[in-house]
Amino acid sequence: MPRYLISFNDGAMDHIPAEEIPQVGKDAHAVIQEAVNAGVFVYGTGLERQQASIVGTDGVVTDGPFPETKEVIGGFVVLDVASRDEALKWAAKIAVSCRCAQEVREVMPDPETEAMLRAAGR
């Protein structure tokens, strides 16, 4: 089955009043539990609001993203579902629970990595 990355941008939830955040967390975890129960949840989490580090091919580490970068990922979920339509339905549930729009992208399969994981018992 294909995997899909469902994500939202950092700051996408800034419009939510502080007193509503606990309920947003409960609602989001309820959708995650539903995905776990459906057997489609792979992994997901929010990302700390922090400046990233960029590691170049030469090993040099620099600060990033650059100031002109307007959007960075604030959180994501990876789901293993049968179709894009199913991923979009899950994204809609996540959008409602998190109270922000979600971006949906299919993750490219990598049979070699999958074989390595199987060989490692994962």
PDB file of N, CA and C in Angstrom:
ATOM      1  N   MET A   1       0.837  -1.190   0.000  1.00  0.00           N
ATOM      2  CA  MET A   1       0.000   0.000   0.000  1.00  0.00           C
ATOM      3  C   MET A   1       0.875   1.243   0.000  1.00  0.00           C
ATOM      4  N   PRO A   2       0.404   2.279  -0.636  1.00  0.00           N
ATOM      5  CA  PRO A   2       1.179   3.528  -0.624  1.00  0.00           C
ATOM      6  C   PRO A   2       1.118   4.199   0.744  1.00  0.00           C
ATOM      7  N   ARG A   3       2.139   4.974   1.012  1.00  0.00           N
ATOM      8  CA  ARG A   3       2.187   5.775   2.233  1.00  0.00           C
ATOM      9  C   ARG A   3       2.017   7.236   1.861  1.00  0.00           C
ATOM     10  N   TYR A   4       1.392   7.968   2.755  1.00  0.00           N
ATOM     11  CA  TYR A   4       1.155   9.390   2.535  1.00  0.00           C
ATOM     12  C   TYR A   4       1.636  10.189   3.732  1.00  0.00           C
ATOM     13  N   LEU A   5       2.262  11.313   3.428  1.00  0.00           N
ATOM     14  CA  LEU A   5       2.679  12.277   4.432  1.00  0.00           C
ATOM     15  C   LEU A   5       1.597  13.347   4.489  1.00  0.00           C
ATOM     16  N   ILE A   6       1.023  13.512   5.662  1.00  0.00           N
ATOM     17  CA  ILE A   6       0.024  14.551   5.891  1.00  0.00           C
ATOM     18  C   ILE A   6       0.660  15.524   6.862  1.00  0.00           C
ATOM     19  N   SER A   7       0.775  16.788   6.466  1.00  0.00           N
ATOM     20  CA  SER A   7       1.514  17.738   7.295  1.00  0.00           C
ATOM     21  C   SER A   7       0.843  19.102   7.337  1.00  0.00           C
ATOM     22  N   PHE A   8       1.279  19.895   8.312  1.00  0.00           N
ATOM     23  CA  PHE A   8       0.820  21.276   8.400  1.00  0.00           C
ATOM     24  C   PHE A   8       2.021  22.160   8.688  1.00  0.00           C
ATOM     25  N   ASN A   9       1.893  23.419   8.326  1.00  0.00           N
ATOM     26  CA  ASN A   9       2.998  24.359   8.479  1.00  0.00           C
ATOM     27  C   ASN A   9       3.120  24.878   9.902  1.00  0.00           C
ATOM     28  N   ASP A  10       4.347  25.183  10.292  1.00  0.00           N
ATOM     29  CA  ASP A  10       4.602  25.825  11.565  1.00  0.00           C
ATOM     30  C   ASP A  10       3.808  27.125  11.609  1.00  0.00           C
ATOM     31  N   GLY A  11       3.141  27.363  12.684  1.00  0.00           N
ATOM     32  CA  GLY A  11       2.336  28.566  12.822  1.00  0.00           C
ATOM     33  C   GLY A  11       0.894  28.392  12.395  1.00  0.00           C
ATOM     34  N   ALA A  12       0.559  27.264  11.782  1.00  0.00           N
ATOM     35  CA  ALA A  12      -0.807  27.054  11.288  1.00  0.00           C
ATOM     36  C   ALA A  12      -1.834  26.994  12.409  1.00  0.00           C
ATOM     37  N   MET A  13      -1.376  26.714  13.622  1.00  0.00           N
ATOM     38  CA  MET A  13      -2.294  26.613  14.752  1.00  0.00           C
ATOM     39  C   MET A  13      -2.209  27.837  15.666  1.00  0.00           C
ATOM     40  N   ASP A  14      -1.474  28.851  15.251  1.00  0.00           N
ATOM     41  CA  ASP A  14      -1.298  30.041  16.086  1.00  0.00           C
ATOM     42  C   ASP A  14      -2.599  30.792  16.345  1.00  0.00           C
ATOM     43  N   HIS A  15      -3.606  30.585  15.507  1.00  0.00           N
ATOM     44  CA  HIS A  15      -4.884  31.277  15.677  1.00  0.00           C
ATOM     45  C   HIS A  15      -5.735  30.697  16.807  1.00  0.00           C
ATOM     46  N   ILE A  16      -5.339  29.550  17.341  1.00  0.00           N
ATOM     47  CA  ILE A  16      -6.142  28.870  18.355  1.00  0.00           C
ATOM     48  C   ILE A  16      -5.855  29.488  19.724  1.00  0.00           C
ATOM     49  N   PRO A  17      -6.891  29.939  20.431  1.00  0.00           N
ATOM     50  CA  PRO A  17      -6.678  30.506  21.765  1.00  0.00           C
ATOM     51  C   PRO A  17      -6.070  29.469  22.713  1.00  0.00           C
ATOM     52  N   ALA A  18      -5.230  29.933  23.606  1.00  0.00           N
ATOM     53  CA  ALA A  18      -4.511  29.049  24.536  1.00  0.00           C
ATOM     54  C   ALA A  18      -5.451  28.130  25.308  1.00  0.00           C
ATOM     55  N   GLU A  19      -6.619  28.635  25.680  1.00  0.00           N
ATOM     56  CA  GLU A  19      -7.541  27.812  26.473  1.00  0.00           C
ATOM     57  C   GLU A  19      -8.154  26.671  25.663  1.00  0.00           C
ATOM     58  N   GLU A  20      -8.070  26.735  24.335  1.00  0.00           N
ATOM     59  CA  GLU A  20      -8.611  25.667  23.484  1.00  0.00           C
ATOM     60  C   GLU A  20      -7.575  24.600  23.137  1.00  0.00           C
ATOM     61  N   ILE A  21      -6.306  24.867  23.393  1.00  0.00           N
ATOM     62  CA  ILE A  21      -5.237  23.930  23.014  1.00  0.00           C
ATOM     63  C   ILE A  21      -5.401  22.550  23.649  1.00  0.00           C
ATOM     64  N   PRO A  22      -5.769  22.436  24.939  1.00  0.00           N
ATOM     65  CA  PRO A  22      -5.963  21.083  25.490  1.00  0.00           C
ATOM     66  C   PRO A  22      -7.018  20.277  24.727  1.00  0.00           C
ATOM     67  N   GLN A  23      -8.108  20.927  24.314  1.00  0.00           N
ATOM     68  CA  GLN A  23      -9.138  20.221  23.556  1.00  0.00           C
ATOM     69  C   GLN A  23      -8.632  19.837  22.166  1.00  0.00           C
ATOM     70  N   VAL A  24      -7.855  20.710  21.547  1.00  0.00           N
ATOM     71  CA  VAL A  24      -7.256  20.395  20.242  1.00  0.00           C
ATOM     72  C   VAL A  24      -6.384  19.148  20.375  1.00  0.00           C
ATOM     73  N   GLY A  25      -5.586  19.091  21.430  1.00  0.00           N
ATOM     74  CA  GLY A  25      -4.746  17.915  21.668  1.00  0.00           C
ATOM     75  C   GLY A  25      -5.572  16.642  21.815  1.00  0.00           C
ATOM     76  N   LYS A  26      -6.655  16.719  22.582  1.00  0.00           N
ATOM     77  CA  LYS A  26      -7.537  15.553  22.757  1.00  0.00           C
ATOM     78  C   LYS A  26      -8.149  15.135  21.423  1.00  0.00           C
ATOM     79  N   ASP A  27      -8.628  16.123  20.654  1.00  0.00           N
ATOM     80  CA  ASP A  27      -9.255  15.823  19.375  1.00  0.00           C
ATOM     81  C   ASP A  27      -8.258  15.204  18.395  1.00  0.00           C
ATOM     82  N   ALA A  28      -7.048  15.759  18.362  1.00  0.00           N
ATOM     83  CA  ALA A  28      -6.015  15.232  17.464  1.00  0.00           C
ATOM     84  C   ALA A  28      -5.627  13.810  17.863  1.00  0.00           C
ATOM     85  N   HIS A  29      -5.475  13.571  19.170  1.00  0.00           N
ATOM     86  CA  HIS A  29      -5.123  12.222  19.621  1.00  0.00           C
ATOM     87  C   HIS A  29      -6.251  11.223  19.348  1.00  0.00           C
ATOM     88  N   ALA A  30      -7.486  11.682  19.372  1.00  0.00           N
ATOM     89  CA  ALA A  30      -8.609  10.797  19.041  1.00  0.00           C
ATOM     90  C   ALA A  30      -8.527  10.342  17.588  1.00  0.00           C
ATOM     91  N   VAL A  31      -8.166  11.246  16.684  1.00  0.00           N
ATOM     92  CA  VAL A  31      -8.015  10.874  15.267  1.00  0.00           C
ATOM     93  C   VAL A  31      -6.839   9.920  15.106  1.00  0.00           C
ATOM     94  N   ILE A  32      -5.740  10.189  15.806  1.00  0.00           N
ATOM     95  CA  ILE A  32      -4.586   9.282  15.745  1.00  0.00           C
ATOM     96  C   ILE A  32      -4.975   7.901  16.254  1.00  0.00           C
ATOM     97  N   GLN A  33      -5.719   7.846  17.359  1.00  0.00           N
ATOM     98  CA  GLN A  33      -6.173   6.549  17.885  1.00  0.00           C
ATOM     99  C   GLN A  33      -7.042   5.826  16.865  1.00  0.00           C
ATOM    100  N   GLU A  34      -7.895   6.573  16.180  1.00  0.00           N
ATOM    101  CA  GLU A  34      -8.733   5.989  15.131  1.00  0.00           C
ATOM    102  C   GLU A  34      -7.861   5.399  14.013  1.00  0.00           C
ATOM    103  N   ALA A  35      -6.808   6.128  13.622  1.00  0.00           N
ATOM    104  CA  ALA A  35      -5.897   5.636  12.584  1.00  0.00           C
ATOM    105  C   ALA A  35      -5.125   4.406  13.067  1.00  0.00           C
ATOM    106  N   VAL A  36      -4.714   4.413  14.336  1.00  0.00           N
ATOM    107  CA  VAL A  36      -4.039   3.241  14.912  1.00  0.00           C
ATOM    108  C   VAL A  36      -4.992   2.039  14.878  1.00  0.00           C
ATOM    109  N   ASN A  37      -6.216   2.246  15.334  1.00  0.00           N
ATOM    110  CA  ASN A  37      -7.207   1.161  15.355  1.00  0.00           C
ATOM    111  C   ASN A  37      -7.523   0.642  13.953  1.00  0.00           C
ATOM    112  N   ALA A  38      -7.457   1.533  12.953  1.00  0.00           N
ATOM    113  CA  ALA A  38      -7.721   1.133  11.566  1.00  0.00           C
ATOM    114  C   ALA A  38      -6.512   0.453  10.925  1.00  0.00           C
ATOM    115  N   GLY A  39      -5.367   0.464  11.631  1.00  0.00           N
ATOM    116  CA  GLY A  39      -4.165  -0.180  11.112  1.00  0.00           C
ATOM    117  C   GLY A  39      -3.437   0.612  10.044  1.00  0.00           C
ATOM    118  N   VAL A  40      -3.682   1.932   9.960  1.00  0.00           N
ATOM    119  CA  VAL A  40      -3.055   2.737   8.911  1.00  0.00           C
ATOM    120  C   VAL A  40      -1.978   3.688   9.436  1.00  0.00           C
ATOM    121  N   PHE A  41      -1.902   3.874  10.742  1.00  0.00           N
ATOM    122  CA  PHE A  41      -0.940   4.817  11.319  1.00  0.00           C
ATOM    123  C   PHE A  41       0.465   4.231  11.257  1.00  0.00           C
ATOM    124  N   VAL A  42       1.415   5.006  10.737  1.00  0.00           N
ATOM    125  CA  VAL A  42       2.819   4.611  10.702  1.00  0.00           C
ATOM    126  C   VAL A  42       3.599   5.403  11.748  1.00  0.00           C
ATOM    127  N   TYR A  43       3.516   6.730  11.666  1.00  0.00           N
ATOM    128  CA  TYR A  43       4.230   7.592  12.605  1.00  0.00           C
ATOM    129  C   TYR A  43       3.737   9.014  12.437  1.00  0.00           C
ATOM    130  N   GLY A  44       3.854   9.794  13.481  1.00  0.00           N
ATOM    131  CA  GLY A  44       3.512  11.206  13.389  1.00  0.00           C
ATOM    132  C   GLY A  44       3.911  11.938  14.648  1.00  0.00           C
ATOM    133  N   THR A  45       4.114  13.242  14.506  1.00  0.00           N
ATOM    134  CA  THR A  45       4.473  14.068  15.650  1.00  0.00           C
ATOM    135  C   THR A  45       4.483  15.534  15.244  1.00  0.00           C
ATOM    136  N   GLY A  46       4.508  16.394  16.233  1.00  0.00           N
ATOM    137  CA  GLY A  46       4.738  17.807  15.991  1.00  0.00           C
ATOM    138  C   GLY A  46       6.228  18.063  16.023  1.00  0.00           C
ATOM    139  N   LEU A  47       6.640  19.150  15.419  1.00  0.00           N
ATOM    140  CA  LEU A  47       8.057  19.505  15.432  1.00  0.00           C
ATOM    141  C   LEU A  47       8.260  20.715  16.330  1.00  0.00           C
ATOM    142  N   GLU A  48       9.349  20.698  17.093  1.00  0.00           N
ATOM    143  CA  GLU A  48       9.687  21.833  17.943  1.00  0.00           C
ATOM    144  C   GLU A  48       9.863  23.068  17.085  1.00  0.00           C
ATOM    145  N   ARG A  49       9.400  24.183  17.576  1.00  0.00           N
ATOM    146  CA  ARG A  49       9.577  25.457  16.872  1.00  0.00           C
ATOM    147  C   ARG A  49      11.005  25.919  17.154  1.00  0.00           C
ATOM    148  N   GLN A  50      11.857  25.665  16.205  1.00  0.00           N
ATOM    149  CA  GLN A  50      13.270  25.989  16.369  1.00  0.00           C
ATOM    150  C   GLN A  50      13.920  26.158  15.009  1.00  0.00           C
ATOM    151  N   GLN A  51      15.061  26.796  15.014  1.00  0.00           N
ATOM    152  CA  GLN A  51      15.791  26.941  13.764  1.00  0.00           C
ATOM    153  C   GLN A  51      16.450  25.609  13.437  1.00  0.00           C
ATOM    154  N   ALA A  52      16.355  25.212  12.188  1.00  0.00           N
ATOM    155  CA  ALA A  52      16.956  23.958  11.744  1.00  0.00           C
ATOM    156  C   ALA A  52      18.440  24.168  11.447  1.00  0.00           C
ATOM    157  N   SER A  53      19.149  23.075  11.392  1.00  0.00           N
ATOM    158  CA  SER A  53      20.539  23.091  10.936  1.00  0.00           C
ATOM    159  C   SER A  53      20.595  22.410   9.577  1.00  0.00           C
ATOM    160  N   ILE A  54      21.382  22.972   8.686  1.00  0.00           N
ATOM    161  CA  ILE A  54      21.566  22.404   7.354  1.00  0.00           C
ATOM    162  C   ILE A  54      22.952  21.775   7.316  1.00  0.00           C
ATOM    163  N   VAL A  55      23.014  20.482   6.968  1.00  0.00           N
ATOM    164  CA  VAL A  55      24.286  19.787   6.855  1.00  0.00           C
ATOM    165  C   VAL A  55      24.554  19.557   5.376  1.00  0.00           C
ATOM    166  N   GLY A  56      25.619  20.161   4.872  1.00  0.00           N
ATOM    167  CA  GLY A  56      25.965  20.053   3.464  1.00  0.00           C
ATOM    168  C   GLY A  56      26.627  18.738   3.125  1.00  0.00           C
ATOM    169  N   THR A  57      26.780  18.474   1.841  1.00  0.00           N
ATOM    170  CA  THR A  57      27.422  17.235   1.392  1.00  0.00           C
ATOM    171  C   THR A  57      28.873  17.160   1.834  1.00  0.00           C
ATOM    172  N   ASP A  58      29.450  18.301   2.177  1.00  0.00           N
ATOM    173  CA  ASP A  58      30.823  18.323   2.667  1.00  0.00           C
ATOM    174  C   ASP A  58      30.900  18.230   4.185  1.00  0.00           C
ATOM    175  N   GLY A  59      29.739  18.074   4.839  1.00  0.00           N
ATOM    176  CA  GLY A  59      29.684  17.952   6.286  1.00  0.00           C
ATOM    177  C   GLY A  59      29.612  19.275   7.023  1.00  0.00           C
ATOM    178  N   VAL A  60      29.688  20.377   6.309  1.00  0.00           N
ATOM    179  CA  VAL A  60      29.627  21.691   6.943  1.00  0.00           C
ATOM    180  C   VAL A  60      28.196  21.951   7.414  1.00  0.00           C
ATOM    181  N   VAL A  61      28.066  22.409   8.659  1.00  0.00           N
ATOM    182  CA  VAL A  61      26.772  22.690   9.251  1.00  0.00           C
ATOM    183  C   VAL A  61      26.532  24.198   9.244  1.00  0.00           C
ATOM    184  N   THR A  62      25.375  24.598   8.743  1.00  0.00           N
ATOM    185  CA  THR A  62      24.988  26.011   8.742  1.00  0.00           C
ATOM    186  C   THR A  62      23.586  26.132   9.316  1.00  0.00           C
ATOM    187  N   ASP A  63      23.225  27.342   9.711  1.00  0.00           N
ATOM    188  CA  ASP A  63      21.884  27.582  10.212  1.00  0.00           C
ATOM    189  C   ASP A  63      20.899  27.616   9.060  1.00  0.00           C
ATOM    190  N   GLY A  64      19.676  27.263   9.340  1.00  0.00           N
ATOM    191  CA  GLY A  64      18.629  27.307   8.342  1.00  0.00           C
ATOM    192  C   GLY A  64      17.301  27.165   9.042  1.00  0.00           C
ATOM    193  N   PRO A  65      16.164  27.154   8.395  1.00  0.00           N
ATOM    194  CA  PRO A  65      16.102  27.552   6.998  1.00  0.00           C
ATOM    195  C   PRO A  65      16.424  29.032   6.847  1.00  0.00           C
ATOM    196  N   PHE A  66      16.616  29.420   5.648  1.00  0.00           N
ATOM    197  CA  PHE A  66      17.002  30.790   5.377  1.00  0.00           C
ATOM    198  C   PHE A  66      15.840  31.746   5.618  1.00  0.00           C
ATOM    199  N   PRO A  67      16.123  33.014   5.941  1.00  0.00           N
ATOM    200  CA  PRO A  67      15.054  33.969   6.257  1.00  0.00           C
ATOM    201  C   PRO A  67      13.984  34.101   5.186  1.00  0.00           C
ATOM    202  N   GLU A  68      14.347  33.881   3.927  1.00  0.00           N
ATOM    203  CA  GLU A  68      13.345  34.006   2.869  1.00  0.00           C
ATOM    204  C   GLU A  68      12.390  32.811   2.820  1.00  0.00           C
ATOM    205  N   THR A  69      12.684  31.752   3.584  1.00  0.00           N
ATOM    206  CA  THR A  69      11.796  30.604   3.650  1.00  0.00           C
ATOM    207  C   THR A  69      10.531  31.016   4.386  1.00  0.00           C
ATOM    208  N   LYS A  70       9.394  30.835   3.740  1.00  0.00           N
ATOM    209  CA  LYS A  70       8.146  31.274   4.332  1.00  0.00           C
ATOM    210  C   LYS A  70       7.424  30.162   5.083  1.00  0.00           C
ATOM    211  N   GLU A  71       7.625  28.933   4.665  1.00  0.00           N
ATOM    212  CA  GLU A  71       6.890  27.836   5.273  1.00  0.00           C
ATOM    213  C   GLU A  71       7.828  26.691   5.662  1.00  0.00           C
ATOM    214  N   VAL A  72       7.666  26.218   6.885  1.00  0.00           N
ATOM    215  CA  VAL A  72       8.373  25.034   7.352  1.00  0.00           C
ATOM    216  C   VAL A  72       7.341  24.116   8.002  1.00  0.00           C
ATOM    217  N   ILE A  73       7.622  22.846   8.051  1.00  0.00           N
ATOM    218  CA  ILE A  73       6.677  21.876   8.603  1.00  0.00           C
ATOM    219  C   ILE A  73       6.586  22.047  10.118  1.00  0.00           C
ATOM    220  N   GLY A  74       5.350  22.072  10.613  1.00  0.00           N
ATOM    221  CA  GLY A  74       5.115  22.177  12.044  1.00  0.00           C
ATOM    222  C   GLY A  74       4.754  20.841  12.671  1.00  0.00           C
ATOM    223  N   GLY A  75       4.279  19.905  11.874  1.00  0.00           N
ATOM    224  CA  GLY A  75       3.920  18.579  12.360  1.00  0.00           C
ATOM    225  C   GLY A  75       3.502  17.714  11.190  1.00  0.00           C
ATOM    226  N   PHE A  76       3.488  16.405  11.423  1.00  0.00           N
ATOM    227  CA  PHE A  76       3.149  15.496  10.329  1.00  0.00           C
ATOM    228  C   PHE A  76       2.661  14.158  10.851  1.00  0.00           C
ATOM    229  N   VAL A  77       2.004  13.427   9.953  1.00  0.00           N
ATOM    230  CA  VAL A  77       1.571  12.055  10.176  1.00  0.00           C
ATOM    231  C   VAL A  77       1.889  11.294   8.896  1.00  0.00           C
ATOM    232  N   VAL A  78       2.361  10.067   9.040  1.00  0.00           N
ATOM    233  CA  VAL A  78       2.544   9.181   7.897  1.00  0.00           C
ATOM    234  C   VAL A  78       1.526   8.054   8.039  1.00  0.00           C
ATOM    235  N   LEU A  79       0.731   7.862   6.996  1.00  0.00           N
ATOM    236  CA  LEU A  79      -0.283   6.814   6.990  1.00  0.00           C
ATOM    237  C   LEU A  79      -0.037   5.857   5.839  1.00  0.00           C
ATOM    238  N   ASP A  80      -0.372   4.615   6.063  1.00  0.00           N
ATOM    239  CA  ASP A  80      -0.255   3.550   5.067  1.00  0.00           C
ATOM    240  C   ASP A  80      -1.675   3.193   4.643  1.00  0.00           C
ATOM    241  N   VAL A  81      -2.131   3.775   3.540  1.00  0.00           N
ATOM    242  CA  VAL A  81      -3.519   3.606   3.102  1.00  0.00           C
ATOM    243  C   VAL A  81      -3.570   3.131   1.655  1.00  0.00           C
ATOM    244  N   ALA A  82      -4.735   2.687   1.224  1.00  0.00           N
ATOM    245  CA  ALA A  82      -4.884   2.076  -0.093  1.00  0.00           C
ATOM    246  C   ALA A  82      -4.871   3.068  -1.250  1.00  0.00           C
ATOM    247  N   SER A  83      -5.243   4.318  -0.985  1.00  0.00           N
ATOM    248  CA  SER A  83      -5.385   5.262  -2.099  1.00  0.00           C
ATOM    249  C   SER A  83      -5.228   6.701  -1.630  1.00  0.00           C
ATOM    250  N   ARG A  84      -5.034   7.582  -2.601  1.00  0.00           N
ATOM    251  CA  ARG A  84      -4.977   9.021  -2.304  1.00  0.00           C
ATOM    252  C   ARG A  84      -6.308   9.500  -1.726  1.00  0.00           C
ATOM    253  N   ASP A  85      -7.408   8.984  -2.251  1.00  0.00           N
ATOM    254  CA  ASP A  85      -8.719   9.372  -1.724  1.00  0.00           C
ATOM    255  C   ASP A  85      -8.828   9.054  -0.235  1.00  0.00           C
ATOM    256  N   GLU A  86      -8.335   7.890   0.159  1.00  0.00           N
ATOM    257  CA  GLU A  86      -8.370   7.525   1.582  1.00  0.00           C
ATOM    258  C   GLU A  86      -7.466   8.463   2.391  1.00  0.00           C
ATOM    259  N   ALA A  87      -6.297   8.796   1.848  1.00  0.00           N
ATOM    260  CA  ALA A  87      -5.399   9.740   2.531  1.00  0.00           C
ATOM    261  C   ALA A  87      -6.070  11.093   2.699  1.00  0.00           C
ATOM    262  N   LEU A  88      -6.790  11.541   1.679  1.00  0.00           N
ATOM    263  CA  LEU A  88      -7.490  12.826   1.759  1.00  0.00           C
ATOM    264  C   LEU A  88      -8.587  12.803   2.819  1.00  0.00           C
ATOM    265  N   LYS A  89      -9.256  11.669   2.970  1.00  0.00           N
ATOM    266  CA  LYS A  89     -10.285  11.553   4.008  1.00  0.00           C
ATOM    267  C   LYS A  89      -9.665  11.649   5.402  1.00  0.00           C
ATOM    268  N   TRP A  90      -8.511  10.987   5.587  1.00  0.00           N
ATOM    269  CA  TRP A  90      -7.816  11.095   6.872  1.00  0.00           C
ATOM    270  C   TRP A  90      -7.319  12.514   7.099  1.00  0.00           C
ATOM    271  N   ALA A  91      -6.818  13.147   6.048  1.00  0.00           N
ATOM    272  CA  ALA A  91      -6.339  14.530   6.169  1.00  0.00           C
ATOM    273  C   ALA A  91      -7.481  15.449   6.592  1.00  0.00           C
ATOM    274  N   ALA A  92      -8.674  15.213   6.094  1.00  0.00           N
ATOM    275  CA  ALA A  92      -9.828  16.026   6.483  1.00  0.00           C
ATOM    276  C   ALA A  92     -10.124  15.862   7.969  1.00  0.00           C
ATOM    277  N   LYS A  93     -10.040  14.635   8.469  1.00  0.00           N
ATOM    278  CA  LYS A  93     -10.262  14.399   9.900  1.00  0.00           C
ATOM    279  C   LYS A  93      -9.193  15.106  10.735  1.00  0.00           C
ATOM    280  N   ILE A  94      -7.956  15.035  10.265  1.00  0.00           N
ATOM    281  CA  ILE A  94      -6.854  15.682  10.979  1.00  0.00           C
ATOM    282  C   ILE A  94      -7.029  17.199  10.952  1.00  0.00           C
ATOM    283  N   ALA A  95      -7.435  17.737   9.807  1.00  0.00           N
ATOM    284  CA  ALA A  95      -7.640  19.181   9.681  1.00  0.00           C
ATOM    285  C   ALA A  95      -8.694  19.670  10.671  1.00  0.00           C
ATOM    286  N   VAL A  96      -9.779  18.927  10.791  1.00  0.00           N
ATOM    287  CA  VAL A  96     -10.837  19.311  11.734  1.00  0.00           C
ATOM    288  C   VAL A  96     -10.302  19.268  13.162  1.00  0.00           C
ATOM    289  N   SER A  97      -9.606  18.186  13.509  1.00  0.00           N
ATOM    290  CA  SER A  97      -9.131  18.042  14.891  1.00  0.00           C
ATOM    291  C   SER A  97      -8.064  19.069  15.255  1.00  0.00           C
ATOM    292  N   CYS A  98      -7.175  19.374  14.313  1.00  0.00           N
ATOM    293  CA  CYS A  98      -6.085  20.329  14.567  1.00  0.00           C
ATOM    294  C   CYS A  98      -6.488  21.771  14.263  1.00  0.00           C
ATOM    295  N   ARG A  99      -7.653  21.932  13.628  1.00  0.00           N
ATOM    296  CA  ARG A  99      -8.164  23.257  13.280  1.00  0.00           C
ATOM    297  C   ARG A  99      -7.244  24.030  12.345  1.00  0.00           C
ATOM    298  N   CYS A 100      -6.614  23.267  11.423  1.00  0.00           N
ATOM    299  CA  CYS A 100      -5.771  23.901  10.403  1.00  0.00           C
ATOM    300  C   CYS A 100      -5.682  22.995   9.175  1.00  0.00           C
ATOM    301  N   ALA A 101      -5.428  23.613   8.038  1.00  0.00           N
ATOM    302  CA  ALA A 101      -5.324  22.889   6.768  1.00  0.00           C
ATOM    303  C   ALA A 101      -4.152  21.905   6.799  1.00  0.00           C
ATOM    304  N   GLN A 102      -4.273  20.851   6.024  1.00  0.00           N
ATOM    305  CA  GLN A 102      -3.259  19.811   5.941  1.00  0.00           C
ATOM    306  C   GLN A 102      -2.800  19.643   4.495  1.00  0.00           C
ATOM    307  N   GLU A 103      -1.534  19.368   4.320  1.00  0.00           N
ATOM    308  CA  GLU A 103      -0.962  19.095   3.003  1.00  0.00           C
ATOM    309  C   GLU A 103      -0.794  17.584   2.880  1.00  0.00           C
ATOM    310  N   VAL A 104      -1.138  17.031   1.712  1.00  0.00           N
ATOM    311  CA  VAL A 104      -1.067  15.582   1.499  1.00  0.00           C
ATOM    312  C   VAL A 104      -0.120  15.294   0.340  1.00  0.00           C
ATOM    313  N   ARG A 105       0.855  14.413   0.608  1.00  0.00           N
ATOM    314  CA  ARG A 105       1.805  14.001  -0.434  1.00  0.00           C
ATOM    315  C   ARG A 105       2.049  12.503  -0.331  1.00  0.00           C
ATOM    316  N   GLU A 106       2.098  11.852  -1.486  1.00  0.00           N
ATOM    317  CA  GLU A 106       2.440  10.429  -1.494  1.00  0.00           C
ATOM    318  C   GLU A 106       3.941  10.288  -1.290  1.00  0.00           C
ATOM    319  N   VAL A 107       4.311   9.328  -0.454  1.00  0.00           N
ATOM    320  CA  VAL A 107       5.714   9.042  -0.186  1.00  0.00           C
ATOM    321  C   VAL A 107       6.184   8.011  -1.213  1.00  0.00           C
ATOM    322  N   MET A 108       7.331   8.285  -1.819  1.00  0.00           N
ATOM    323  CA  MET A 108       7.855   7.354  -2.826  1.00  0.00           C
ATOM    324  C   MET A 108       8.271   6.042  -2.154  1.00  0.00           C
ATOM    325  N   PRO A 109       7.859   4.921  -2.713  1.00  0.00           N
ATOM    326  CA  PRO A 109       8.280   3.639  -2.143  1.00  0.00           C
ATOM    327  C   PRO A 109       9.762   3.391  -2.424  1.00  0.00           C
ATOM    328  N   ASP A 110      10.405   2.695  -1.510  1.00  0.00           N
ATOM    329  CA  ASP A 110      11.810   2.329  -1.683  1.00  0.00           C
ATOM    330  C   ASP A 110      11.966   0.855  -1.305  1.00  0.00           C
ATOM    331  N   PRO A 111      11.844  -0.045  -2.290  1.00  0.00           N
ATOM    332  CA  PRO A 111      11.906  -1.480  -2.009  1.00  0.00           C
ATOM    333  C   PRO A 111      13.197  -1.907  -1.309  1.00  0.00           C
ATOM    334  N   GLU A 112      14.313  -1.265  -1.620  1.00  0.00           N
ATOM    335  CA  GLU A 112      15.575  -1.637  -0.975  1.00  0.00           C
ATOM    336  C   GLU A 112      15.554  -1.334   0.519  1.00  0.00           C
ATOM    337  N   THR A 113      15.029  -0.160   0.885  1.00  0.00           N
ATOM    338  CA  THR A 113      14.930   0.176   2.309  1.00  0.00           C
ATOM    339  C   THR A 113      13.955  -0.763   3.004  1.00  0.00           C
ATOM    340  N   GLU A 114      12.835  -1.055   2.358  1.00  0.00           N
ATOM    341  CA  GLU A 114      11.867  -1.988   2.939  1.00  0.00           C
ATOM    342  C   GLU A 114      12.518  -3.358   3.176  1.00  0.00           C
ATOM    343  N   ALA A 115      13.340  -3.820   2.237  1.00  0.00           N
ATOM    344  CA  ALA A 115      14.035  -5.102   2.398  1.00  0.00           C
ATOM    345  C   ALA A 115      15.005  -5.039   3.575  1.00  0.00           C
ATOM    346  N   MET A 116      15.715  -3.905   3.735  1.00  0.00           N
ATOM    347  CA  MET A 116      16.629  -3.750   4.867  1.00  0.00           C
ATOM    348  C   MET A 116      15.869  -3.821   6.193  1.00  0.00           C
ATOM    349  N   LEU A 117      14.720  -3.181   6.252  1.00  0.00           N
ATOM    350  CA  LEU A 117      13.921  -3.210   7.477  1.00  0.00           C
ATOM    351  C   LEU A 117      13.407  -4.607   7.783  1.00  0.00           C
ATOM    352  N   ARG A 118      12.936  -5.312   6.762  1.00  0.00           N
ATOM    353  CA  ARG A 118      12.486  -6.686   6.958  1.00  0.00           C
ATOM    354  C   ARG A 118      13.625  -7.556   7.460  1.00  0.00           C
ATOM    355  N   ALA A 119      14.808  -7.396   6.877  1.00  0.00           N
ATOM    356  CA  ALA A 119      15.975  -8.186   7.278  1.00  0.00           C
ATOM    357  C   ALA A 119      16.359  -7.891   8.731  1.00  0.00           C
ATOM    358  N   ALA A 120      16.106  -6.660   9.167  1.00  0.00           N
ATOM    359  CA  ALA A 120      16.423  -6.275  10.548  1.00  0.00           C
ATOM    360  C   ALA A 120      15.289  -6.616  11.507  1.00  0.00           C
ATOM    361  N   GLY A 121      14.232  -7.242  10.988  1.00  0.00           N
ATOM    362  CA  GLY A 121      13.118  -7.625  11.832  1.00  0.00           C
ATOM    363  C   GLY A 121      12.197  -6.479  12.174  1.00  0.00           C
ATOM    364  N   ARG A 122      12.183  -5.447  11.328  1.00  0.00           N
ATOM    365  CA  ARG A 122      11.335  -4.275  11.603  1.00  0.00           C
ATOM    366  C   ARG A 122      10.357  -4.057  10.519  1.00  0.00           C
TER     367      ARG A 122
END
